[in-house]
PDB file of N, CA and C in Angstrom:
ATOM      1  N   MET A   1     -11.353 -46.211 -38.180  1.00  0.00           N
ATOM      2  CA  MET A   1     -10.980 -45.765 -36.815  1.00  0.00           C
ATOM      3  C   MET A   1     -10.581 -44.316 -37.001  1.00  0.00           C
ATOM      4  N   ILE A   2     -10.986 -43.364 -36.167  1.00  0.00           N
ATOM      5  CA  ILE A   2     -10.600 -41.966 -36.112  1.00  0.00           C
ATOM      6  C   ILE A   2      -9.409 -41.910 -35.206  1.00  0.00           C
ATOM      7  N   ARG A   3      -8.455 -41.276 -35.776  1.00  0.00           N
ATOM      8  CA  ARG A   3      -7.148 -41.033 -34.989  1.00  0.00           C
ATOM      9  C   ARG A   3      -7.275 -39.755 -34.253  1.00  0.00           C
ATOM     10  N   ARG A   4      -7.094 -39.725 -32.976  1.00  0.00           N
ATOM     11  CA  ARG A   4      -7.127 -38.465 -32.290  1.00  0.00           C
ATOM     12  C   ARG A   4      -5.593 -38.011 -31.943  1.00  0.00           C
ATOM     13  N   PRO A   5      -5.485 -36.807 -31.868  1.00  0.00           N
ATOM     14  CA  PRO A   5      -4.119 -36.262 -31.476  1.00  0.00           C
ATOM     15  C   PRO A   5      -3.903 -36.507 -30.029  1.00  0.00           C
ATOM     16  N   PRO A   6      -2.611 -36.570 -29.712  1.00  0.00           N
ATOM     17  CA  PRO A   6      -2.426 -36.853 -28.224  1.00  0.00           C
ATOM     18  C   PRO A   6      -2.802 -35.658 -27.343  1.00  0.00           C
ATOM     19  N   ARG A   7      -3.142 -35.946 -26.162  1.00  0.00           N
ATOM     20  CA  ARG A   7      -3.636 -34.917 -25.180  1.00  0.00           C
ATOM     21  C   ARG A   7      -2.497 -33.972 -25.056  1.00  0.00           C
ATOM     22  N   SER A   8      -2.960 -32.733 -24.965  1.00  0.00           N
ATOM     23  CA  SER A   8      -1.922 -31.760 -24.831  1.00  0.00           C
ATOM     24  C   SER A   8      -1.393 -31.725 -23.261  1.00  0.00           C
ATOM     25  N   THR A   9      -0.153 -31.735 -23.134  1.00  0.00           N
ATOM     26  CA  THR A   9       0.362 -31.710 -21.712  1.00  0.00           C
ATOM     27  C   THR A   9       1.036 -30.349 -21.598  1.00  0.00           C
ATOM     28  N   ARG A  10       0.851 -29.782 -20.389  1.00  0.00           N
ATOM     29  CA  ARG A  10       1.518 -28.588 -20.076  1.00  0.00           C
ATOM     30  C   ARG A  10       2.990 -28.690 -19.953  1.00  0.00           C
ATOM     31  N   LYS A  11       3.714 -27.986 -20.580  1.00  0.00           N
ATOM     32  CA  LYS A  11       5.151 -28.060 -20.389  1.00  0.00           C
ATOM     33  C   LYS A  11       5.461 -27.296 -19.100  1.00  0.00           C
ATOM     34  N   GLU A  12       6.562 -27.778 -18.300  1.00  0.00           N
ATOM     35  CA  GLU A  12       6.874 -27.036 -17.165  1.00  0.00           C
ATOM     36  C   GLU A  12       7.183 -25.617 -17.438  1.00  0.00           C
ATOM     37  N   SER A  13       7.765 -25.290 -18.648  1.00  0.00           N
ATOM     38  CA  SER A  13       8.196 -23.822 -18.915  1.00  0.00           C
ATOM     39  C   SER A  13       6.916 -22.979 -19.086  1.00  0.00           C
ATOM     40  N   SER A  14       5.836 -23.677 -19.610  1.00  0.00           N
ATOM     41  CA  SER A  14       4.495 -22.875 -19.778  1.00  0.00           C
ATOM     42  C   SER A  14       3.944 -22.762 -18.356  1.00  0.00           C
ATOM     43  N   ALA A  15       4.026 -23.612 -17.501  1.00  0.00           N
ATOM     44  CA  ALA A  15       3.443 -23.429 -16.069  1.00  0.00           C
ATOM     45  C   ALA A  15       4.350 -22.341 -15.428  1.00  0.00           C
ATOM     46  N   ALA A  16       5.506 -22.273 -15.567  1.00  0.00           N
ATOM     47  CA  ALA A  16       6.357 -21.304 -15.012  1.00  0.00           C
ATOM     48  C   ALA A  16       6.104 -19.980 -15.547  1.00  0.00           C
ATOM     49  N   SER A  17       5.777 -19.980 -16.846  1.00  0.00           N
ATOM     50  CA  SER A  17       5.429 -18.745 -17.550  1.00  0.00           C
ATOM     51  C   SER A  17       4.195 -18.164 -16.991  1.00  0.00           C
ATOM     52  N   ASP A  18       3.062 -19.071 -16.757  1.00  0.00           N
ATOM     53  CA  ASP A  18       1.849 -18.627 -16.021  1.00  0.00           C
ATOM     54  C   ASP A  18       2.088 -18.132 -14.676  1.00  0.00           C
ATOM     55  N   VAL A  19       2.991 -18.668 -13.902  1.00  0.00           N
ATOM     56  CA  VAL A  19       3.220 -18.212 -12.594  1.00  0.00           C
ATOM     57  C   VAL A  19       3.907 -16.890 -12.716  1.00  0.00           C
ATOM     58  N   TYR A  20       4.767 -16.662 -13.632  1.00  0.00           N
ATOM     59  CA  TYR A  20       5.417 -15.312 -13.841  1.00  0.00           C
ATOM     60  C   TYR A  20       4.444 -14.298 -14.162  1.00  0.00           C
ATOM     61  N   LYS A  21       3.630 -14.633 -15.188  1.00  0.00           N
ATOM     62  CA  LYS A  21       2.518 -13.737 -15.653  1.00  0.00           C
ATOM     63  C   LYS A  21       1.636 -13.269 -14.350  1.00  0.00           C
ATOM     64  N   ARG A  22       1.275 -14.236 -13.485  1.00  0.00           N
ATOM     65  CA  ARG A  22       0.512 -14.002 -12.290  1.00  0.00           C
ATOM     66  C   ARG A  22       1.134 -13.105 -11.397  1.00  0.00           C
ATOM     67  N   GLN A  23       2.449 -13.249 -11.181  1.00  0.00           N
ATOM     68  CA  GLN A  23       3.317 -12.442 -10.337  1.00  0.00           C
ATOM     69  C   GLN A  23       3.397 -11.069 -10.790  1.00  0.00           C
ATOM     70  N   VAL A  24       3.553 -10.906 -12.257  1.00  0.00           N
ATOM     71  CA  VAL A  24       3.566  -9.588 -12.708  1.00  0.00           C
ATOM     72  C   VAL A  24       2.289  -8.869 -12.553  1.00  0.00           C
ATOM     73  N   GLU A  25       1.114  -9.600 -12.650  1.00  0.00           N
ATOM     74  CA  GLU A  25      -0.116  -8.904 -12.552  1.00  0.00           C
ATOM     75  C   GLU A  25      -0.359  -8.574 -11.054  1.00  0.00           C
ATOM     76  N   GLU A  26       0.056  -9.355 -10.110  1.00  0.00           N
ATOM     77  CA  GLU A  26       0.072  -9.075  -8.724  1.00  0.00           C
ATOM     78  C   GLU A  26       0.924  -7.872  -8.304  1.00  0.00           C
ATOM     79  N   LEU A  27       1.959  -7.729  -9.058  1.00  0.00           N
ATOM     80  CA  LEU A  27       2.906  -6.653  -8.778  1.00  0.00           C
ATOM     81  C   LEU A  27       2.233  -5.386  -9.238  1.00  0.00           C
ATOM     82  N   LYS A  28       1.662  -5.427 -10.342  1.00  0.00           N
ATOM     83  CA  LYS A  28       1.013  -4.333 -10.993  1.00  0.00           C
ATOM     84  C   LYS A  28      -0.231  -3.817 -10.010  1.00  0.00           C
ATOM     85  N   LYS A  29      -0.942  -4.789  -9.411  1.00  0.00           N
ATOM     86  CA  LYS A  29      -2.006  -4.545  -8.528  1.00  0.00           C
ATOM     87  C   LYS A  29      -1.490  -3.855  -7.299  1.00  0.00           C
ATOM     88  N   ALA A  30      -0.304  -4.416  -6.724  1.00  0.00           N
ATOM     89  CA  ALA A  30       0.323  -3.848  -5.500  1.00  0.00           C
ATOM     90  C   ALA A  30       0.819  -2.431  -5.930  1.00  0.00           C
ATOM     91  N   GLU A  31       1.355  -2.207  -6.985  1.00  0.00           N
ATOM     92  CA  GLU A  31       1.895  -0.863  -7.440  1.00  0.00           C
ATOM     93  C   GLU A  31       0.568   0.121  -7.370  1.00  0.00           C
ATOM     94  N   GLU A  32      -0.620  -0.257  -7.943  1.00  0.00           N
ATOM     95  CA  GLU A  32      -1.768   0.552  -7.919  1.00  0.00           C
ATOM     96  C   GLU A  32      -2.227   0.857  -6.633  1.00  0.00           C
ATOM     97  N   GLU A  33      -2.241  -0.148  -5.704  1.00  0.00           N
ATOM     98  CA  GLU A  33      -2.656   0.076  -4.320  1.00  0.00           C
ATOM     99  C   GLU A  33      -1.678   1.068  -3.583  1.00  0.00           C
ATOM    100  N   LEU A  34      -0.372   0.942  -3.923  1.00  0.00           N
ATOM    101  CA  LEU A  34       0.578   1.880  -3.347  1.00  0.00           C
ATOM    102  C   LEU A  34       0.362   3.276  -3.741  1.00  0.00           C
ATOM    103  N   VAL A  35       0.147   3.436  -5.085  1.00  0.00           N
ATOM    104  CA  VAL A  35      -0.087   4.860  -5.571  1.00  0.00           C
ATOM    105  C   VAL A  35      -1.424   5.399  -5.005  1.00  0.00           C
ATOM    106  N   ASP A  36      -2.471   4.573  -4.987  1.00  0.00           N
ATOM    107  CA  ASP A  36      -3.706   5.093  -4.306  1.00  0.00           C
ATOM    108  C   ASP A  36      -3.600   5.383  -2.800  1.00  0.00           C
ATOM    109  N   ALA A  37      -2.791   4.552  -2.110  1.00  0.00           N
ATOM    110  CA  ALA A  37      -2.580   4.805  -0.640  1.00  0.00           C
ATOM    111  C   ALA A  37      -1.737   6.010  -0.573  1.00  0.00           C
ATOM    112  N   HIS A  38      -0.838   6.278  -1.352  1.00  0.00           N
ATOM    113  CA  HIS A  38      -0.066   7.534  -1.202  1.00  0.00           C
ATOM    114  C   HIS A  38      -0.881   8.775  -1.509  1.00  0.00           C
ATOM    115  N   LYS A  39      -1.696   8.624  -2.565  1.00  0.00           N
ATOM    116  CA  LYS A  39      -2.619   9.783  -2.829  1.00  0.00           C
ATOM    117  C   LYS A  39      -3.555  10.070  -1.651  1.00  0.00           C
ATOM    118  N   GLU A  40      -3.972   9.072  -1.051  1.00  0.00           N
ATOM    119  CA  GLU A  40      -4.943   9.208   0.099  1.00  0.00           C
ATOM    120  C   GLU A  40      -4.123   9.870   1.289  1.00  0.00           C
ATOM    121  N   TYR A  41      -2.908   9.305   1.440  1.00  0.00           N
ATOM    122  CA  TYR A  41      -2.058   9.828   2.516  1.00  0.00           C
ATOM    123  C   TYR A  41      -1.846  11.420   2.407  1.00  0.00           C
ATOM    124  N   VAL A  42      -1.526  11.844   1.097  1.00  0.00           N
ATOM    125  CA  VAL A  42      -1.266  13.168   0.908  1.00  0.00           C
ATOM    126  C   VAL A  42      -2.564  13.972   1.088  1.00  0.00           C
ATOM    127  N   ARG A  43      -3.660  13.480   0.646  1.00  0.00           N
ATOM    128  CA  ARG A  43      -4.965  14.211   0.841  1.00  0.00           C
ATOM    129  C   ARG A  43      -5.285  14.246   2.351  1.00  0.00           C
ATOM    130  N   GLN A  44      -5.025  13.267   3.132  1.00  0.00           N
ATOM    131  CA  GLN A  44      -5.321  13.362   4.554  1.00  0.00           C
ATOM    132  C   GLN A  44      -4.303  14.196   5.251  1.00  0.00           C
ATOM    133  N   ASN A  45      -3.109  14.231   4.732  1.00  0.00           N
ATOM    134  CA  ASN A  45      -2.005  15.028   5.397  1.00  0.00           C
ATOM    135  C   ASN A  45      -2.398  16.562   5.108  1.00  0.00           C
ATOM    136  N   GLU A  46      -2.886  16.845   3.978  1.00  0.00           N
ATOM    137  CA  GLU A  46      -3.357  18.349   3.724  1.00  0.00           C
ATOM    138  C   GLU A  46      -4.540  18.635   4.648  1.00  0.00           C
ATOM    139  N   LEU A  47      -5.487  17.811   4.869  1.00  0.00           N
ATOM    140  CA  LEU A  47      -6.511  18.000   5.814  1.00  0.00           C
ATOM    141  C   LEU A  47      -5.989  18.189   7.281  1.00  0.00           C
ATOM    142  N   ALA A  48      -5.065  17.440   7.596  1.00  0.00           N
ATOM    143  CA  ALA A  48      -4.386  17.471   8.996  1.00  0.00           C
ATOM    144  C   ALA A  48      -3.799  18.774   9.172  1.00  0.00           C
ATOM    145  N   LYS A  49      -3.074  19.286   8.111  1.00  0.00           N
ATOM    146  CA  LYS A  49      -2.421  20.624   8.199  1.00  0.00           C
ATOM    147  C   LYS A  49      -3.391  21.744   8.516  1.00  0.00           C
ATOM    148  N   VAL A  50      -4.606  21.677   7.874  1.00  0.00           N
ATOM    149  CA  VAL A  50      -5.515  22.635   8.116  1.00  0.00           C
ATOM    150  C   VAL A  50      -6.034  22.588   9.547  1.00  0.00           C
ATOM    151  N   GLN A  51      -6.240  21.364   9.994  1.00  0.00           N
ATOM    152  CA  GLN A  51      -6.748  21.134  11.400  1.00  0.00           C
ATOM    153  C   GLN A  51      -5.693  21.661  12.397  1.00  0.00           C
ATOM    154  N   GLU A  52      -4.377  21.366  12.063  1.00  0.00           N
ATOM    155  CA  GLU A  52      -3.386  21.848  12.979  1.00  0.00           C
ATOM    156  C   GLU A  52      -3.326  23.467  13.039  1.00  0.00           C
ATOM    157  N   LYS A  53      -3.502  24.033  11.870  1.00  0.00           N
ATOM    158  CA  LYS A  53      -3.547  25.533  11.916  1.00  0.00           C
ATOM    159  C   LYS A  53      -4.697  26.101  12.802  1.00  0.00           C
ATOM    160  N   THR A  54      -5.835  25.376  12.612  1.00  0.00           N
ATOM    161  CA  THR A  54      -7.026  25.703  13.432  1.00  0.00           C
ATOM    162  C   THR A  54      -6.755  25.630  14.831  1.00  0.00           C
ATOM    163  N   LEU A  55      -6.177  24.504  15.255  1.00  0.00           N
ATOM    164  CA  LEU A  55      -5.817  24.315  16.709  1.00  0.00           C
ATOM    165  C   LEU A  55      -4.785  25.334  17.191  1.00  0.00           C
ATOM    166  N   ALA A  56      -3.835  25.700  16.337  1.00  0.00           N
ATOM    167  CA  ALA A  56      -2.882  26.660  16.753  1.00  0.00           C
ATOM    168  C   ALA A  56      -3.470  27.984  16.996  1.00  0.00           C
ATOM    169  N   GLU A  57      -4.464  28.373  16.149  1.00  0.00           N
ATOM    170  CA  GLU A  57      -5.184  29.663  16.300  1.00  0.00           C
ATOM    171  C   GLU A  57      -6.073  29.571  17.513  1.00  0.00           C
ATOM    172  N   LYS A  58      -6.622  28.503  17.949  1.00  0.00           N
ATOM    173  CA  LYS A  58      -7.399  28.249  19.062  1.00  0.00           C
ATOM    174  C   LYS A  58      -6.551  28.560  20.293  1.00  0.00           C
ATOM    175  N   LEU A  59      -5.289  27.930  20.315  1.00  0.00           N
ATOM    176  CA  LEU A  59      -4.369  28.018  21.481  1.00  0.00           C
ATOM    177  C   LEU A  59      -4.026  29.566  21.652  1.00  0.00           C
ATOM    178  N   LYS A  60      -3.914  30.295  20.790  1.00  0.00           N
ATOM    179  CA  LYS A  60      -3.697  31.780  20.892  1.00  0.00           C
ATOM    180  C   LYS A  60      -4.698  32.450  21.772  1.00  0.00           C
ATOM    181  N   ASP A  61      -5.902  32.095  21.556  1.00  0.00           N
ATOM    182  CA  ASP A  61      -6.991  32.701  22.223  1.00  0.00           C
ATOM    183  C   ASP A  61      -7.603  32.025  23.490  1.00  0.00           C
ATOM    184  N   LEU A  62      -7.066  30.864  23.777  1.00  0.00           N
ATOM    185  CA  LEU A  62      -7.577  30.190  25.058  1.00  0.00           C
ATOM    186  C   LEU A  62      -6.991  30.592  26.368  1.00  0.00           C
ATOM    187  N   GLU A  63      -7.832  30.454  27.275  1.00  0.00           N
ATOM    188  CA  GLU A  63      -7.354  30.634  28.689  1.00  0.00           C
ATOM    189  C   GLU A  63      -6.643  29.260  29.069  1.00  0.00           C
ATOM    190  N   SER A  64      -5.798  29.389  29.981  1.00  0.00           N
ATOM    191  CA  SER A  64      -4.945  28.266  30.416  1.00  0.00           C
ATOM    192  C   SER A  64      -5.749  26.922  30.763  1.00  0.00           C
ATOM    193  N   ASN A  65      -6.972  27.120  31.338  1.00  0.00           N
ATOM    194  CA  ASN A  65      -7.820  25.881  31.725  1.00  0.00           C
ATOM    195  C   ASN A  65      -8.408  25.330  30.427  1.00  0.00           C
ATOM    196  N   ASP A  66      -8.499  26.004  29.425  1.00  0.00           N
ATOM    197  CA  ASP A  66      -9.086  25.402  28.118  1.00  0.00           C
ATOM    198  C   ASP A  66      -8.102  24.685  27.254  1.00  0.00           C
ATOM    199  N   ILE A  67      -6.756  24.905  27.588  1.00  0.00           N
ATOM    200  CA  ILE A  67      -5.695  24.267  26.761  1.00  0.00           C
ATOM    201  C   ILE A  67      -5.830  22.715  26.769  1.00  0.00           C
ATOM    202  N   ASP A  68      -6.238  22.238  27.905  1.00  0.00           N
ATOM    203  CA  ASP A  68      -6.502  20.666  27.948  1.00  0.00           C
ATOM    204  C   ASP A  68      -7.339  20.194  26.861  1.00  0.00           C
ATOM    205  N   LEU A  69      -8.371  20.925  26.438  1.00  0.00           N
ATOM    206  CA  LEU A  69      -9.260  20.467  25.360  1.00  0.00           C
ATOM    207  C   LEU A  69      -8.529  20.449  24.001  1.00  0.00           C
ATOM    208  N   CYS A  70      -7.682  21.482  23.774  1.00  0.00           N
ATOM    209  CA  CYS A  70      -6.903  21.493  22.565  1.00  0.00           C
ATOM    210  C   CYS A  70      -5.836  20.442  22.548  1.00  0.00           C
ATOM    211  N   ILE A  71      -5.198  20.073  23.824  1.00  0.00           N
ATOM    212  CA  ILE A  71      -4.333  19.056  23.883  1.00  0.00           C
ATOM    213  C   ILE A  71      -4.910  17.618  23.460  1.00  0.00           C
ATOM    214  N   ALA A  72      -6.155  17.418  23.828  1.00  0.00           N
ATOM    215  CA  ALA A  72      -6.776  16.166  23.544  1.00  0.00           C
ATOM    216  C   ALA A  72      -7.002  16.123  22.017  1.00  0.00           C
ATOM    217  N   ASP A  73      -7.371  17.365  21.371  1.00  0.00           N
ATOM    218  CA  ASP A  73      -7.600  17.311  19.897  1.00  0.00           C
ATOM    219  C   ASP A  73      -6.243  17.165  19.258  1.00  0.00           C
ATOM    220  N   MET A  74      -5.154  17.663  19.737  1.00  0.00           N
ATOM    221  CA  MET A  74      -3.825  17.438  19.087  1.00  0.00           C
ATOM    222  C   MET A  74      -3.527  16.016  19.179  1.00  0.00           C
ATOM    223  N   GLU A  75      -3.772  15.339  20.301  1.00  0.00           N
ATOM    224  CA  GLU A  75      -3.372  13.967  20.433  1.00  0.00           C
ATOM    225  C   GLU A  75      -4.174  13.101  19.512  1.00  0.00           C
ATOM    226  N   LYS A  76      -5.521  13.459  19.318  1.00  0.00           N
ATOM    227  CA  LYS A  76      -6.331  12.644  18.276  1.00  0.00           C
ATOM    228  C   LYS A  76      -5.756  12.880  16.906  1.00  0.00           C
ATOM    229  N   LEU A  77      -5.440  14.114  16.643  1.00  0.00           N
ATOM    230  CA  LEU A  77      -4.861  14.394  15.308  1.00  0.00           C
ATOM    231  C   LEU A  77      -3.556  13.657  15.058  1.00  0.00           C
ATOM    232  N   MET A  78      -2.737  13.605  16.078  1.00  0.00           N
ATOM    233  CA  MET A  78      -1.516  12.887  15.878  1.00  0.00           C
ATOM    234  C   MET A  78      -1.597  11.411  15.806  1.00  0.00           C
ATOM    235  N   ALA A  79      -2.521  10.957  16.489  1.00  0.00           N
ATOM    236  CA  ALA A  79      -2.790   9.524  16.385  1.00  0.00           C
ATOM    237  C   ALA A  79      -3.322   9.083  14.988  1.00  0.00           C
ATOM    238  N   LYS A  80      -4.040   9.906  14.416  1.00  0.00           N
ATOM    239  CA  LYS A  80      -4.622   9.788  13.047  1.00  0.00           C
ATOM    240  C   LYS A  80      -3.516   9.775  12.101  1.00  0.00           C
ATOM    241  N   GLN A  81      -2.498  10.613  12.211  1.00  0.00           N
ATOM    242  CA  GLN A  81      -1.401  10.837  11.376  1.00  0.00           C
ATOM    243  C   GLN A  81      -0.489   9.613  11.464  1.00  0.00           C
ATOM    244  N   VAL A  82      -0.319   9.177  12.739  1.00  0.00           N
ATOM    245  CA  VAL A  82       0.540   7.905  12.827  1.00  0.00           C
ATOM    246  C   VAL A  82      -0.151   6.692  12.143  1.00  0.00           C
ATOM    247  N   GLU A  83      -1.471   6.775  12.196  1.00  0.00           N
ATOM    248  CA  GLU A  83      -2.220   5.485  11.661  1.00  0.00           C
ATOM    249  C   GLU A  83      -2.106   5.668  10.096  1.00  0.00           C
ATOM    250  N   MET A  84      -2.206   6.765   9.524  1.00  0.00           N
ATOM    251  CA  MET A  84      -2.105   6.983   8.110  1.00  0.00           C
ATOM    252  C   MET A  84      -0.708   6.593   7.677  1.00  0.00           C
ATOM    253  N   GLN A  85       0.345   6.920   8.425  1.00  0.00           N
ATOM    254  CA  GLN A  85       1.820   6.497   8.055  1.00  0.00           C
ATOM    255  C   GLN A  85       1.913   4.988   8.137  1.00  0.00           C
ATOM    256  N   LYS A  86       1.235   4.431   9.111  1.00  0.00           N
ATOM    257  CA  LYS A  86       1.364   2.870   9.348  1.00  0.00           C
ATOM    258  C   LYS A  86       0.837   2.169   8.133  1.00  0.00           C
ATOM    259  N   LYS A  87      -0.402   2.667   7.666  1.00  0.00           N
ATOM    260  CA  LYS A  87      -0.984   2.125   6.530  1.00  0.00           C
ATOM    261  C   LYS A  87      -0.132   2.223   5.259  1.00  0.00           C
ATOM    262  N   LEU A  88       0.431   3.489   5.158  1.00  0.00           N
ATOM    263  CA  LEU A  88       1.307   3.608   3.926  1.00  0.00           C
ATOM    264  C   LEU A  88       2.440   2.769   3.950  1.00  0.00           C
ATOM    265  N   LYS A  89       3.078   2.545   5.179  1.00  0.00           N
ATOM    266  CA  LYS A  89       4.310   1.735   5.196  1.00  0.00           C
ATOM    267  C   LYS A  89       3.854   0.300   5.009  1.00  0.00           C
ATOM    268  N   GLU A  90       2.799  -0.144   5.378  1.00  0.00           N
ATOM    269  CA  GLU A  90       2.219  -1.569   5.025  1.00  0.00           C
ATOM    270  C   GLU A  90       2.115  -1.758   3.615  1.00  0.00           C
ATOM    271  N   LYS A  91       1.591  -0.629   2.852  1.00  0.00           N
ATOM    272  CA  LYS A  91       1.404  -0.731   1.353  1.00  0.00           C
ATOM    273  C   LYS A  91       2.838  -0.864   0.690  1.00  0.00           C
ATOM    274  N   ILE A  92       3.736  -0.054   1.229  1.00  0.00           N
ATOM    275  CA  ILE A  92       5.086  -0.081   0.776  1.00  0.00           C
ATOM    276  C   ILE A  92       5.670  -1.338   0.945  1.00  0.00           C
ATOM    277  N   ALA A  93       5.536  -1.969   2.083  1.00  0.00           N
ATOM    278  CA  ALA A  93       6.191  -3.319   2.380  1.00  0.00           C
ATOM    279  C   ALA A  93       5.596  -4.269   1.498  1.00  0.00           C
ATOM    280  N   ALA A  94       4.252  -4.227   1.267  1.00  0.00           N
ATOM    281  CA  ALA A  94       3.530  -5.266   0.394  1.00  0.00           C
ATOM    282  C   ALA A  94       4.070  -5.147  -1.003  1.00  0.00           C
ATOM    283  N   TYR A  95       4.259  -3.886  -1.541  1.00  0.00           N
ATOM    284  CA  TYR A  95       4.820  -3.695  -2.855  1.00  0.00           C
ATOM    285  C   TYR A  95       6.236  -4.294  -3.015  1.00  0.00           C
ATOM    286  N   LYS A  96       7.083  -3.954  -1.957  1.00  0.00           N
ATOM    287  CA  LYS A  96       8.488  -4.427  -1.984  1.00  0.00           C
ATOM    288  C   LYS A  96       8.426  -5.910  -2.058  1.00  0.00           C
ATOM    289  N   LYS A  97       7.533  -6.605  -1.303  1.00  0.00           N
ATOM    290  CA  LYS A  97       7.603  -8.038  -1.249  1.00  0.00           C
ATOM    291  C   LYS A  97       7.180  -8.606  -2.651  1.00  0.00           C
ATOM    292  N   LYS A  98       6.140  -8.074  -3.145  1.00  0.00           N
ATOM    293  CA  LYS A  98       5.664  -8.531  -4.558  1.00  0.00           C
ATOM    294  C   LYS A  98       6.820  -8.329  -5.611  1.00  0.00           C
ATOM    295  N   GLN A  99       7.494  -7.157  -5.513  1.00  0.00           N
ATOM    296  CA  GLN A  99       8.556  -6.789  -6.366  1.00  0.00           C
ATOM    297  C   GLN A  99       9.631  -7.771  -6.294  1.00  0.00           C
ATOM    298  N   SER A 100      10.086  -8.156  -5.027  1.00  0.00           N
ATOM    299  CA  SER A 100      11.138  -9.083  -4.777  1.00  0.00           C
ATOM    300  C   SER A 100      10.762 -10.475  -5.200  1.00  0.00           C
ATOM    301  N   GLU A 101       9.479 -10.958  -5.121  1.00  0.00           N
ATOM    302  CA  GLU A 101       9.011 -12.175  -5.600  1.00  0.00           C
ATOM    303  C   GLU A 101       9.111 -12.236  -7.071  1.00  0.00           C
ATOM    304  N   GLU A 102       8.633 -11.191  -7.776  1.00  0.00           N
ATOM    305  CA  GLU A 102       8.754 -11.110  -9.219  1.00  0.00           C
ATOM    306  C   GLU A 102      10.126 -11.155  -9.702  1.00  0.00           C
ATOM    307  N   GLU A 103      11.105 -10.418  -9.013  1.00  0.00           N
ATOM    308  CA  GLU A 103      12.448 -10.421  -9.573  1.00  0.00           C
ATOM    309  C   GLU A 103      13.083 -11.783  -9.334  1.00  0.00           C
ATOM    310  N   GLU A 104      12.757 -12.433  -8.258  1.00  0.00           N
ATOM    311  CA  GLU A 104      13.166 -13.823  -7.994  1.00  0.00           C
ATOM    312  C   GLU A 104      12.754 -14.812  -8.995  1.00  0.00           C
ATOM    313  N   LEU A 105      11.513 -14.671  -9.368  1.00  0.00           N
ATOM    314  CA  LEU A 105      10.953 -15.506 -10.345  1.00  0.00           C
ATOM    315  C   LEU A 105      11.564 -15.209 -11.744  1.00  0.00           C
ATOM    316  N   SER A 106      11.820 -14.045 -12.053  1.00  0.00           N
ATOM    317  CA  SER A 106      12.307 -13.698 -13.478  1.00  0.00           C
ATOM    318  C   SER A 106      13.753 -14.154 -13.567  1.00  0.00           C
ATOM    319  N   LYS A 107      14.547 -14.300 -12.461  1.00  0.00           N
ATOM    320  CA  LYS A 107      15.912 -14.839 -12.418  1.00  0.00           C
ATOM    321  C   LYS A 107      15.825 -16.349 -12.626  1.00  0.00           C
ATOM    322  N   ASN A 108      14.837 -17.036 -12.022  1.00  0.00           N
ATOM    323  CA  ASN A 108      14.597 -18.464 -11.982  1.00  0.00           C
ATOM    324  C   ASN A 108      13.231 -18.728 -12.495  1.00  0.00           C
ATOM    325  N   PRO A 109      13.008 -18.721 -13.887  1.00  0.00           N
ATOM    326  CA  PRO A 109      11.634 -18.931 -14.260  1.00  0.00           C
ATOM    327  C   PRO A 109      11.041 -20.440 -14.036  1.00  0.00           C
ATOM    328  N   ASN A 110      11.911 -21.428 -13.782  1.00  0.00           N
ATOM    329  CA  ASN A 110      11.358 -22.702 -13.555  1.00  0.00           C
ATOM    330  C   ASN A 110      11.082 -22.974 -12.112  1.00  0.00           C
ATOM    331  N   LYS A 111      11.226 -21.922 -11.271  1.00  0.00           N
ATOM    332  CA  LYS A 111      10.857 -22.114  -9.937  1.00  0.00           C
ATOM    333  C   LYS A 111       9.368 -21.869  -9.748  1.00  0.00           C
ATOM    334  N   LYS A 112       8.644 -22.710  -9.039  1.00  0.00           N
ATOM    335  CA  LYS A 112       7.186 -22.521  -8.817  1.00  0.00           C
ATOM    336  C   LYS A 112       6.809 -22.101  -7.508  1.00  0.00           C
TER     337      LYS A 112
END
């Protein structure tokens, strides 16, 4: 009769370690997403500054009845900037959440 070794059973600490490793990977991914989002924010912000300068130059040369067109362009530009800030804030919040989860797990590794 061939004797087989007992089935390996996962220890709770091993499962907790796997959860911790997954949390660390998720934190790294959130960090990369945050860095990428910030780079995009800076790039878009630089483009917006150029557009703002262009609008300011237009305003100097416009008649009073043409100013309404520039105001509409300013509003679009401002709305775009607000949206960019909103997206960056969301990435920051997601990163902070992942970081908090990872810290909590590192304090209590047996928590699943």
